[in-house]
Amino acid sequence: MHISPPDSVPTLPELLAACQRQERLAQRRLYGQFHGFALTVCLRYARNREQALEAVNDGFLKVFRDLHRFDASRHPQDVPGSFRGWLKRIMIHTAIDHYRANERHQYQQELDDTTYNQADGGATPLDSLSYDELLALVQRLPPAYRAVFNLIVIDGFGHEEVAEQLGISVGTSKSNLFKARAHLRTMLAHTSTPSLARYVVG
């Protein structure tokens, strides 16, 4: 059975099944349907849009290659959400592969344990930001800090996982997260947006 005619809209399970049969039309449709989501993920790790687009395209090659690993029948009530989660994981790993190739040797300094263990107490200015505001600031971080901050704060990885993903030590992961937060607070302190700047006065 093939995918529905071009004038009809296939369900996601139908689209995935057709992609597993390597039907070109289905692959183009899946790419178009999730391209924006994938690009949003990769942009958080890439230096620029061009690098993010490269990661997206490489990620979709992995998606089409490994789609047999995603079993839509196991998620009858939430195929879209489950597939987005599966796709996001692939895009994160692909973006990190690009990061390792392009940025790995930059900004890899460690702090003493006594420095990065000085955890913030209570709420910080970062807690007051909207998601879009936070991402806009994160994009301005040095690549290594940005990668660790995204993996831990945005995507929920642990320091051990981050160390393995980036090929760094756990100490460096903790150090870079501490520095990322410090950089973000500095950027907030100099922001011209009153609604944000008031959180760092004093």
N, C-alpha and C. Protein backbone atom coordinates (compact mmCIF):
# COMPACT_ATOMS: atom_id res chain seq x y z
N MET A 1 0.85 -1.18 0.00
CA MET A 1 0.00 0.00 0.00
C MET A 1 0.89 1.24 0.00
N HIS A 2 0.57 2.20 -0.85
CA HIS A 2 1.39 3.40 -0.97
C HIS A 2 0.73 4.56 -0.26
N ILE A 3 1.47 5.64 -0.16
CA ILE A 3 0.98 6.83 0.50
C ILE A 3 -0.20 7.40 -0.25
N SER A 4 -1.03 8.16 0.44
CA SER A 4 -2.21 8.74 -0.16
C SER A 4 -1.84 9.66 -1.31
N PRO A 5 -2.76 9.92 -2.25
CA PRO A 5 -2.49 10.82 -3.37
C PRO A 5 -2.06 12.19 -2.89
N PRO A 6 -1.36 12.96 -3.75
CA PRO A 6 -0.81 14.26 -3.34
C PRO A 6 -1.84 15.24 -2.82
N ASP A 7 -3.14 15.12 -3.28
CA ASP A 7 -4.13 16.10 -2.87
C ASP A 7 -4.73 15.77 -1.50
N SER A 8 -4.34 14.67 -0.90
CA SER A 8 -4.82 14.33 0.43
C SER A 8 -3.67 14.43 1.42
N VAL A 9 -4.03 14.55 2.69
CA VAL A 9 -3.01 14.71 3.73
C VAL A 9 -2.90 13.41 4.52
N PRO A 10 -1.79 12.71 4.42
CA PRO A 10 -1.63 11.46 5.16
C PRO A 10 -1.46 11.72 6.64
N THR A 11 -1.84 10.78 7.45
CA THR A 11 -1.57 10.87 8.88
C THR A 11 -0.08 10.65 9.09
N LEU A 12 0.41 11.02 10.27
CA LEU A 12 1.83 10.82 10.54
C LEU A 12 2.22 9.35 10.50
N PRO A 13 1.43 8.43 11.08
CA PRO A 13 1.80 7.02 10.96
C PRO A 13 1.88 6.56 9.51
N GLU A 14 0.95 7.04 8.65
CA GLU A 14 1.00 6.69 7.23
C GLU A 14 2.27 7.25 6.60
N LEU A 15 2.60 8.48 6.97
CA LEU A 15 3.80 9.12 6.42
C LEU A 15 5.06 8.38 6.84
N LEU A 16 5.13 7.99 8.09
CA LEU A 16 6.30 7.27 8.58
C LEU A 16 6.43 5.91 7.91
N ALA A 17 5.29 5.24 7.74
CA ALA A 17 5.31 3.93 7.08
C ALA A 17 5.81 4.06 5.65
N ALA A 18 5.36 5.11 4.96
CA ALA A 18 5.80 5.32 3.59
C ALA A 18 7.28 5.67 3.54
N CYS A 19 7.76 6.43 4.52
CA CYS A 19 9.19 6.76 4.57
C CYS A 19 10.02 5.51 4.81
N GLN A 20 9.50 4.59 5.60
CA GLN A 20 10.22 3.34 5.83
C GLN A 20 10.32 2.53 4.53
N ARG A 21 9.35 2.74 3.64
CA ARG A 21 9.42 2.09 2.32
C ARG A 21 10.27 2.91 1.35
N GLN A 22 10.86 3.99 1.86
CA GLN A 22 11.75 4.87 1.10
C GLN A 22 11.03 5.53 -0.07
N GLU A 23 9.78 5.89 0.14
CA GLU A 23 9.04 6.63 -0.88
C GLU A 23 9.46 8.10 -0.83
N ARG A 24 9.92 8.61 -1.95
CA ARG A 24 10.49 9.96 -2.00
C ARG A 24 9.49 11.03 -1.61
N LEU A 25 8.26 10.93 -2.09
CA LEU A 25 7.25 11.93 -1.77
C LEU A 25 7.03 11.99 -0.26
N ALA A 26 6.96 10.85 0.37
CA ALA A 26 6.76 10.81 1.82
C ALA A 26 7.94 11.43 2.55
N GLN A 27 9.15 11.14 2.08
CA GLN A 27 10.34 11.71 2.71
C GLN A 27 10.35 13.23 2.59
N ARG A 28 9.95 13.74 1.41
CA ARG A 28 9.89 15.19 1.22
C ARG A 28 8.85 15.80 2.15
N ARG A 29 7.72 15.13 2.29
CA ARG A 29 6.66 15.65 3.16
C ARG A 29 7.10 15.65 4.63
N LEU A 30 7.73 14.59 5.05
CA LEU A 30 8.19 14.52 6.44
C LEU A 30 9.23 15.59 6.71
N TYR A 31 10.14 15.76 5.77
CA TYR A 31 11.18 16.78 5.89
C TYR A 31 10.53 18.16 6.00
N GLY A 32 9.58 18.43 5.13
CA GLY A 32 8.92 19.73 5.15
C GLY A 32 8.12 19.96 6.43
N GLN A 33 7.50 18.91 6.93
CA GLN A 33 6.65 19.03 8.11
C GLN A 33 7.46 19.29 9.38
N PHE A 34 8.66 18.71 9.46
CA PHE A 34 9.44 18.82 10.70
C PHE A 34 10.72 19.64 10.54
N HIS A 35 10.93 20.22 9.38
CA HIS A 35 12.15 20.97 9.14
C HIS A 35 12.29 22.14 10.10
N GLY A 36 11.21 22.91 10.30
CA GLY A 36 11.27 24.06 11.18
C GLY A 36 11.60 23.68 12.61
N PHE A 37 10.99 22.61 13.09
CA PHE A 37 11.26 22.12 14.45
C PHE A 37 12.72 21.70 14.57
N ALA A 38 13.21 20.94 13.58
CA ALA A 38 14.59 20.47 13.62
C ALA A 38 15.57 21.64 13.57
N LEU A 39 15.26 22.64 12.76
CA LEU A 39 16.15 23.79 12.65
C LEU A 39 16.22 24.56 13.97
N THR A 40 15.08 24.68 14.64
CA THR A 40 15.06 25.36 15.94
C THR A 40 15.99 24.66 16.93
N VAL A 41 15.97 23.33 16.93
CA VAL A 41 16.85 22.57 17.82
C VAL A 41 18.31 22.81 17.46
N CYS A 42 18.63 22.67 16.19
CA CYS A 42 20.04 22.76 15.77
C CYS A 42 20.59 24.17 15.90
N LEU A 43 19.75 25.18 15.73
CA LEU A 43 20.22 26.56 15.85
C LEU A 43 20.75 26.85 17.24
N ARG A 44 20.26 26.15 18.23
CA ARG A 44 20.72 26.39 19.59
C ARG A 44 22.15 25.95 19.81
N TYR A 45 22.64 25.06 18.96
CA TYR A 45 24.00 24.54 19.11
C TYR A 45 24.96 25.08 18.05
N ALA A 46 24.44 25.55 16.95
CA ALA A 46 25.29 25.96 15.83
C ALA A 46 25.77 27.40 15.99
N ARG A 47 26.89 27.70 15.36
CA ARG A 47 27.42 29.06 15.37
C ARG A 47 26.57 29.99 14.53
N ASN A 48 26.02 29.45 13.44
CA ASN A 48 25.21 30.28 12.54
C ASN A 48 24.17 29.41 11.85
N ARG A 49 23.32 30.04 11.04
CA ARG A 49 22.23 29.33 10.38
C ARG A 49 22.76 28.30 9.38
N GLU A 50 23.85 28.62 8.71
CA GLU A 50 24.41 27.69 7.74
C GLU A 50 24.83 26.38 8.40
N GLN A 51 25.53 26.48 9.53
CA GLN A 51 25.92 25.26 10.25
C GLN A 51 24.70 24.50 10.76
N ALA A 52 23.69 25.25 11.20
CA ALA A 52 22.47 24.59 11.68
C ALA A 52 21.79 23.83 10.55
N LEU A 53 21.72 24.42 9.37
CA LEU A 53 21.10 23.76 8.23
C LEU A 53 21.86 22.49 7.84
N GLU A 54 23.18 22.53 7.93
CA GLU A 54 23.97 21.33 7.66
C GLU A 54 23.63 20.23 8.65
N ALA A 55 23.50 20.61 9.92
CA ALA A 55 23.16 19.63 10.94
C ALA A 55 21.76 19.06 10.71
N VAL A 56 20.82 19.92 10.32
CA VAL A 56 19.46 19.47 10.04
C VAL A 56 19.46 18.44 8.91
N ASN A 57 20.14 18.75 7.84
CA ASN A 57 20.16 17.83 6.70
C ASN A 57 20.83 16.50 7.05
N ASP A 58 21.93 16.58 7.79
CA ASP A 58 22.58 15.35 8.23
C ASP A 58 21.67 14.57 9.18
N GLY A 59 20.96 15.31 10.03
CA GLY A 59 20.04 14.66 10.96
C GLY A 59 18.92 13.93 10.25
N PHE A 60 18.37 14.53 9.21
CA PHE A 60 17.30 13.86 8.47
C PHE A 60 17.80 12.63 7.72
N LEU A 61 19.05 12.65 7.29
CA LEU A 61 19.61 11.45 6.69
C LEU A 61 19.61 10.31 7.71
N LYS A 62 19.95 10.64 8.95
CA LYS A 62 19.92 9.62 10.02
C LYS A 62 18.49 9.19 10.31
N VAL A 63 17.57 10.14 10.28
CA VAL A 63 16.16 9.81 10.52
C VAL A 63 15.68 8.79 9.50
N PHE A 64 15.92 9.06 8.22
CA PHE A 64 15.45 8.15 7.19
C PHE A 64 16.18 6.80 7.24
N ARG A 65 17.44 6.84 7.65
CA ARG A 65 18.20 5.60 7.76
C ARG A 65 17.72 4.74 8.91
N ASP A 66 17.38 5.39 10.03
CA ASP A 66 17.06 4.66 11.26
C ASP A 66 15.58 4.65 11.60
N LEU A 67 14.73 5.05 10.66
CA LEU A 67 13.31 5.18 10.96
C LEU A 67 12.68 3.86 11.39
N HIS A 68 13.27 2.75 10.97
CA HIS A 68 12.74 1.46 11.38
C HIS A 68 12.84 1.26 12.89
N ARG A 69 13.68 2.05 13.54
CA ARG A 69 13.82 1.95 14.99
C ARG A 69 12.65 2.60 15.72
N PHE A 70 11.93 3.50 15.04
CA PHE A 70 10.78 4.14 15.67
C PHE A 70 9.53 3.35 15.30
N ASP A 71 8.89 2.79 16.31
CA ASP A 71 7.70 1.95 16.10
C ASP A 71 6.46 2.74 16.47
N ALA A 72 5.76 3.26 15.44
CA ALA A 72 4.58 4.08 15.68
C ALA A 72 3.49 3.31 16.39
N SER A 73 3.45 1.99 16.22
CA SER A 73 2.39 1.19 16.85
C SER A 73 2.52 1.16 18.37
N ARG A 74 3.69 1.51 18.86
CA ARG A 74 3.90 1.52 20.32
C ARG A 74 3.38 2.81 20.95
N HIS A 75 3.01 3.79 20.10
CA HIS A 75 2.56 5.09 20.61
C HIS A 75 1.24 5.49 19.95
N PRO A 76 0.21 4.63 20.02
CA PRO A 76 -1.02 4.90 19.29
C PRO A 76 -1.71 6.19 19.72
N GLN A 77 -1.53 6.61 20.96
CA GLN A 77 -2.21 7.81 21.45
C GLN A 77 -1.39 9.08 21.26
N ASP A 78 -0.12 8.94 20.98
CA ASP A 78 0.73 10.13 20.91
C ASP A 78 1.88 9.93 19.92
N VAL A 79 1.56 9.53 18.72
CA VAL A 79 2.60 9.35 17.72
C VAL A 79 3.33 10.66 17.41
N PRO A 80 2.61 11.78 17.18
CA PRO A 80 3.32 13.04 16.88
C PRO A 80 4.29 13.45 17.98
N GLY A 81 3.82 13.41 19.25
CA GLY A 81 4.70 13.82 20.35
C GLY A 81 5.88 12.89 20.51
N SER A 82 5.65 11.59 20.38
CA SER A 82 6.73 10.62 20.52
C SER A 82 7.73 10.75 19.38
N PHE A 83 7.22 10.97 18.18
CA PHE A 83 8.14 11.11 17.04
C PHE A 83 8.96 12.39 17.17
N ARG A 84 8.33 13.48 17.62
CA ARG A 84 9.08 14.72 17.80
C ARG A 84 10.19 14.53 18.83
N GLY A 85 9.90 13.79 19.89
CA GLY A 85 10.94 13.52 20.89
C GLY A 85 12.08 12.71 20.31
N TRP A 86 11.73 11.69 19.50
CA TRP A 86 12.74 10.85 18.87
C TRP A 86 13.56 11.68 17.88
N LEU A 87 12.89 12.50 17.09
CA LEU A 87 13.56 13.36 16.12
C LEU A 87 14.46 14.37 16.83
N LYS A 88 13.96 14.95 17.91
CA LYS A 88 14.75 15.94 18.64
C LYS A 88 16.06 15.33 19.14
N ARG A 89 15.97 14.11 19.64
CA ARG A 89 17.18 13.45 20.15
C ARG A 89 18.22 13.29 19.03
N ILE A 90 17.76 12.89 17.86
CA ILE A 90 18.67 12.72 16.72
C ILE A 90 19.28 14.06 16.35
N MET A 91 18.47 15.11 16.31
CA MET A 91 18.97 16.42 15.92
C MET A 91 19.98 16.96 16.94
N ILE A 92 19.72 16.73 18.22
CA ILE A 92 20.67 17.16 19.24
C ILE A 92 22.01 16.46 19.05
N HIS A 93 21.97 15.14 18.88
CA HIS A 93 23.22 14.39 18.72
C HIS A 93 23.95 14.82 17.45
N THR A 94 23.20 15.08 16.37
CA THR A 94 23.83 15.50 15.12
C THR A 94 24.44 16.89 15.27
N ALA A 95 23.71 17.79 15.92
CA ALA A 95 24.24 19.14 16.14
C ALA A 95 25.49 19.09 17.00
N ILE A 96 25.52 18.20 17.98
CA ILE A 96 26.70 18.06 18.83
C ILE A 96 27.86 17.48 18.03
N ASP A 97 27.59 16.56 17.11
CA ASP A 97 28.65 16.04 16.24
C ASP A 97 29.29 17.19 15.46
N HIS A 98 28.46 18.09 14.94
CA HIS A 98 28.97 19.25 14.21
C HIS A 98 29.73 20.17 15.15
N TYR A 99 29.21 20.33 16.36
CA TYR A 99 29.92 21.16 17.33
C TYR A 99 31.32 20.61 17.61
N ARG A 100 31.39 19.28 17.84
CA ARG A 100 32.68 18.67 18.13
C ARG A 100 33.65 18.88 16.98
N ALA A 101 33.15 18.81 15.76
CA ALA A 101 34.01 18.95 14.59
C ALA A 101 34.50 20.40 14.42
N ASN A 102 33.64 21.36 14.79
CA ASN A 102 33.95 22.76 14.48
C ASN A 102 34.42 23.59 15.67
N GLU A 103 33.97 23.25 16.88
CA GLU A 103 34.17 24.15 18.00
C GLU A 103 34.89 23.52 19.18
N ARG A 104 35.16 22.26 19.13
CA ARG A 104 35.56 21.53 20.33
C ARG A 104 36.73 22.12 21.08
N HIS A 105 37.69 22.64 20.33
CA HIS A 105 38.92 23.06 20.99
C HIS A 105 38.87 24.51 21.46
N GLN A 106 37.69 25.14 21.38
CA GLN A 106 37.58 26.52 21.82
C GLN A 106 36.91 26.58 23.19
N TYR A 107 37.36 27.51 23.99
CA TYR A 107 36.70 27.82 25.26
C TYR A 107 36.54 26.61 26.17
N GLN A 108 37.59 25.78 26.29
CA GLN A 108 37.47 24.54 27.09
C GLN A 108 38.22 24.66 28.41
N GLN A 109 38.17 25.82 29.06
CA GLN A 109 38.90 26.01 30.29
C GLN A 109 38.10 25.47 31.48
N GLU A 110 38.83 25.00 32.47
CA GLU A 110 38.19 24.49 33.68
C GLU A 110 38.34 25.50 34.82
N LEU A 111 37.41 25.45 35.76
CA LEU A 111 37.51 26.24 36.98
C LEU A 111 37.86 25.32 38.13
N ASP A 112 38.39 25.88 39.20
CA ASP A 112 38.60 25.09 40.40
C ASP A 112 37.26 24.63 40.94
N ASP A 113 37.28 23.50 41.64
CA ASP A 113 36.04 22.99 42.24
C ASP A 113 35.38 24.03 43.12
N THR A 114 36.19 24.80 43.83
CA THR A 114 35.61 25.78 44.75
C THR A 114 34.87 26.88 43.99
N THR A 115 35.21 27.08 42.73
CA THR A 115 34.56 28.11 41.94
C THR A 115 33.25 27.62 41.37
N TYR A 116 33.28 26.49 40.65
CA TYR A 116 32.05 26.07 40.00
C TYR A 116 31.07 25.43 40.96
N ASN A 117 31.51 25.15 42.18
CA ASN A 117 30.57 24.61 43.16
C ASN A 117 29.87 25.70 43.95
N GLN A 118 30.14 26.96 43.62
CA GLN A 118 29.45 28.06 44.28
C GLN A 118 28.07 28.21 43.63
N ALA A 119 27.17 27.33 43.99
CA ALA A 119 25.85 27.30 43.37
C ALA A 119 25.06 28.55 43.72
N ASP A 120 24.21 28.95 42.78
CA ASP A 120 23.35 30.10 43.02
C ASP A 120 22.31 29.74 44.07
N GLY A 121 22.05 30.66 44.96
CA GLY A 121 21.02 30.42 45.96
C GLY A 121 19.74 31.14 45.59
N GLY A 122 18.63 30.43 45.56
CA GLY A 122 17.35 31.04 45.26
C GLY A 122 17.21 31.43 43.80
N ALA A 123 16.28 32.32 43.54
CA ALA A 123 15.98 32.73 42.17
C ALA A 123 17.11 33.59 41.62
N THR A 124 17.32 33.51 40.31
CA THR A 124 18.32 34.31 39.63
C THR A 124 17.64 35.10 38.52
N PRO A 125 18.31 36.10 37.95
CA PRO A 125 17.71 36.84 36.84
C PRO A 125 17.28 35.93 35.70
N LEU A 126 17.98 34.81 35.50
CA LEU A 126 17.65 33.91 34.40
C LEU A 126 16.28 33.29 34.57
N ASP A 127 15.86 33.13 35.83
CA ASP A 127 14.56 32.51 36.08
C ASP A 127 13.41 33.38 35.60
N SER A 128 13.68 34.66 35.39
CA SER A 128 12.61 35.58 35.03
C SER A 128 12.44 35.73 33.52
N LEU A 129 13.32 35.11 32.74
CA LEU A 129 13.27 35.27 31.30
C LEU A 129 12.23 34.35 30.67
N SER A 130 11.66 34.81 29.57
CA SER A 130 10.83 33.93 28.76
C SER A 130 11.76 33.01 27.98
N TYR A 131 11.19 31.94 27.41
CA TYR A 131 11.99 30.98 26.66
C TYR A 131 12.69 31.66 25.49
N ASP A 132 11.98 32.49 24.74
CA ASP A 132 12.57 33.17 23.58
C ASP A 132 13.67 34.14 24.00
N GLU A 133 13.44 34.85 25.10
CA GLU A 133 14.46 35.79 25.58
C GLU A 133 15.71 35.05 26.00
N LEU A 134 15.52 33.92 26.68
CA LEU A 134 16.66 33.13 27.12
C LEU A 134 17.45 32.62 25.92
N LEU A 135 16.76 32.06 24.91
CA LEU A 135 17.46 31.52 23.75
C LEU A 135 18.22 32.60 22.99
N ALA A 136 17.65 33.80 22.93
CA ALA A 136 18.34 34.89 22.24
C ALA A 136 19.66 35.22 22.92
N LEU A 137 19.66 35.19 24.26
CA LEU A 137 20.91 35.43 24.99
C LEU A 137 21.87 34.25 24.86
N VAL A 138 21.34 33.04 24.91
CA VAL A 138 22.18 31.85 24.82
C VAL A 138 22.95 31.83 23.50
N GLN A 139 22.32 32.29 22.43
CA GLN A 139 22.99 32.31 21.12
C GLN A 139 24.24 33.18 21.13
N ARG A 140 24.34 34.10 22.08
CA ARG A 140 25.49 34.99 22.14
C ARG A 140 26.63 34.43 22.99
N LEU A 141 26.42 33.28 23.62
CA LEU A 141 27.47 32.67 24.43
C LEU A 141 28.57 32.08 23.56
N PRO A 142 29.80 31.97 24.09
CA PRO A 142 30.86 31.22 23.39
C PRO A 142 30.37 29.79 23.14
N PRO A 143 30.82 29.18 22.05
CA PRO A 143 30.27 27.87 21.64
C PRO A 143 30.27 26.79 22.72
N ALA A 144 31.36 26.64 23.46
CA ALA A 144 31.43 25.58 24.46
C ALA A 144 30.44 25.82 25.59
N TYR A 145 30.30 27.09 26.00
CA TYR A 145 29.35 27.41 27.06
C TYR A 145 27.93 27.18 26.57
N ARG A 146 27.69 27.60 25.33
CA ARG A 146 26.35 27.45 24.74
C ARG A 146 25.96 25.98 24.66
N ALA A 147 26.88 25.13 24.24
CA ALA A 147 26.58 23.71 24.09
C ALA A 147 26.21 23.08 25.43
N VAL A 148 27.00 23.37 26.47
CA VAL A 148 26.74 22.78 27.78
C VAL A 148 25.44 23.33 28.36
N PHE A 149 25.22 24.62 28.24
CA PHE A 149 24.00 25.22 28.78
C PHE A 149 22.77 24.62 28.10
N ASN A 150 22.80 24.50 26.79
CA ASN A 150 21.67 23.91 26.07
C ASN A 150 21.41 22.47 26.50
N LEU A 151 22.48 21.68 26.55
CA LEU A 151 22.31 20.27 26.89
C LEU A 151 21.74 20.07 28.29
N ILE A 152 22.23 20.86 29.24
CA ILE A 152 21.82 20.65 30.63
C ILE A 152 20.53 21.39 30.96
N VAL A 153 20.48 22.68 30.66
CA VAL A 153 19.35 23.50 31.10
C VAL A 153 18.13 23.34 30.19
N ILE A 154 18.36 23.31 28.89
CA ILE A 154 17.24 23.26 27.94
C ILE A 154 16.81 21.83 27.66
N ASP A 155 17.78 20.93 27.44
CA ASP A 155 17.45 19.58 27.00
C ASP A 155 17.52 18.52 28.10
N GLY A 156 17.92 18.90 29.30
CA GLY A 156 17.78 18.01 30.44
C GLY A 156 18.82 16.91 30.59
N PHE A 157 19.99 17.06 29.98
CA PHE A 157 21.04 16.06 30.15
C PHE A 157 21.74 16.28 31.49
N GLY A 158 22.41 15.24 31.98
CA GLY A 158 23.24 15.36 33.17
C GLY A 158 24.68 15.64 32.78
N HIS A 159 25.49 16.04 33.77
CA HIS A 159 26.88 16.39 33.47
C HIS A 159 27.66 15.20 32.92
N GLU A 160 27.38 14.00 33.42
CA GLU A 160 28.07 12.82 32.91
C GLU A 160 27.75 12.60 31.43
N GLU A 161 26.46 12.76 31.07
CA GLU A 161 26.06 12.60 29.67
C GLU A 161 26.69 13.67 28.80
N VAL A 162 26.72 14.90 29.30
CA VAL A 162 27.32 16.00 28.54
C VAL A 162 28.80 15.75 28.32
N ALA A 163 29.48 15.30 29.36
CA ALA A 163 30.91 15.02 29.23
C ALA A 163 31.16 13.97 28.15
N GLU A 164 30.32 12.94 28.13
CA GLU A 164 30.47 11.90 27.12
C GLU A 164 30.16 12.43 25.72
N GLN A 165 29.10 13.22 25.62
CA GLN A 165 28.69 13.76 24.32
C GLN A 165 29.76 14.68 23.73
N LEU A 166 30.32 15.54 24.58
CA LEU A 166 31.25 16.56 24.08
C LEU A 166 32.71 16.13 24.13
N GLY A 167 32.98 14.99 24.76
CA GLY A 167 34.36 14.55 24.87
C GLY A 167 35.17 15.40 25.82
N ILE A 168 34.52 15.84 26.92
CA ILE A 168 35.19 16.66 27.92
C ILE A 168 35.03 15.98 29.27
N SER A 169 35.67 16.53 30.29
CA SER A 169 35.52 15.98 31.63
C SER A 169 34.25 16.50 32.27
N VAL A 170 33.80 15.81 33.31
CA VAL A 170 32.64 16.29 34.08
C VAL A 170 32.96 17.65 34.69
N GLY A 171 34.19 17.83 35.13
CA GLY A 171 34.60 19.11 35.69
C GLY A 171 34.47 20.25 34.69
N THR A 172 34.87 19.98 33.45
CA THR A 172 34.75 21.00 32.41
C THR A 172 33.29 21.30 32.13
N SER A 173 32.46 20.28 32.14
CA SER A 173 31.03 20.50 31.94
C SER A 173 30.47 21.42 33.02
N LYS A 174 30.81 21.14 34.27
CA LYS A 174 30.33 21.97 35.37
C LYS A 174 30.89 23.39 35.26
N SER A 175 32.17 23.46 34.90
CA SER A 175 32.82 24.75 34.75
C SER A 175 32.14 25.58 33.67
N ASN A 176 31.89 24.96 32.52
CA ASN A 176 31.30 25.69 31.40
C ASN A 176 29.86 26.11 31.70
N LEU A 177 29.13 25.29 32.46
CA LEU A 177 27.78 25.69 32.85
C LEU A 177 27.83 26.89 33.78
N PHE A 178 28.74 26.86 34.75
CA PHE A 178 28.90 27.99 35.66
C PHE A 178 29.25 29.25 34.88
N LYS A 179 30.18 29.14 33.95
CA LYS A 179 30.60 30.30 33.16
C LYS A 179 29.47 30.79 32.25
N ALA A 180 28.71 29.83 31.71
CA ALA A 180 27.58 30.23 30.85
C ALA A 180 26.60 31.07 31.64
N ARG A 181 26.26 30.62 32.86
CA ARG A 181 25.34 31.38 33.68
C ARG A 181 25.91 32.75 34.04
N ALA A 182 27.21 32.79 34.32
CA ALA A 182 27.85 34.07 34.64
C ALA A 182 27.79 35.02 33.45
N HIS A 183 28.07 34.49 32.25
CA HIS A 183 27.99 35.31 31.04
C HIS A 183 26.58 35.83 30.82
N LEU A 184 25.59 34.96 31.04
CA LEU A 184 24.21 35.37 30.83
C LEU A 184 23.82 36.47 31.82
N ARG A 185 24.25 36.34 33.07
CA ARG A 185 23.94 37.38 34.06
C ARG A 185 24.60 38.70 33.68
N THR A 186 25.82 38.62 33.15
CA THR A 186 26.51 39.84 32.72
C THR A 186 25.75 40.49 31.57
N MET A 187 25.30 39.68 30.62
CA MET A 187 24.53 40.23 29.50
C MET A 187 23.24 40.86 30.00
N LEU A 188 22.60 40.24 30.98
CA LEU A 188 21.37 40.80 31.53
C LEU A 188 21.64 42.13 32.22
N ALA A 189 22.78 42.21 32.90
CA ALA A 189 23.11 43.44 33.62
C ALA A 189 23.28 44.62 32.68
N HIS A 190 23.62 44.33 31.43
CA HIS A 190 23.85 45.39 30.46
C HIS A 190 22.72 45.50 29.44
N THR A 191 21.63 44.80 29.69
CA THR A 191 20.53 44.87 28.73
C THR A 191 19.85 46.22 28.81
N SER A 192 19.32 46.64 27.68
CA SER A 192 18.60 47.91 27.63
C SER A 192 17.11 47.72 27.84
N THR A 193 16.71 46.47 28.11
CA THR A 193 15.30 46.18 28.32
C THR A 193 14.97 46.32 29.80
N PRO A 194 14.22 47.33 30.19
CA PRO A 194 13.95 47.57 31.62
C PRO A 194 13.36 46.37 32.33
N SER A 195 12.49 45.64 31.66
CA SER A 195 11.83 44.51 32.31
C SER A 195 12.81 43.43 32.69
N LEU A 196 13.96 43.37 32.01
CA LEU A 196 14.98 42.39 32.34
C LEU A 196 16.04 43.00 33.25
N ALA A 197 16.43 44.22 32.98
CA ALA A 197 17.52 44.82 33.71
C ALA A 197 17.20 44.99 35.20
N ARG A 198 15.93 45.20 35.54
CA ARG A 198 15.59 45.42 36.93
C ARG A 198 15.92 44.24 37.82
N TYR A 199 16.04 43.04 37.21
CA TYR A 199 16.31 41.84 38.01
C TYR A 199 17.76 41.75 38.47
N VAL A 200 18.63 42.59 37.88
CA VAL A 200 20.05 42.50 38.23
C VAL A 200 20.57 43.78 38.87
N VAL A 201 19.70 44.73 39.09
CA VAL A 201 20.14 45.97 39.75
C VAL A 201 20.58 45.64 41.18
N GLY A 202 21.72 46.15 41.53
CA GLY A 202 22.23 45.91 42.88
C GLY A 202 22.98 44.63 42.97
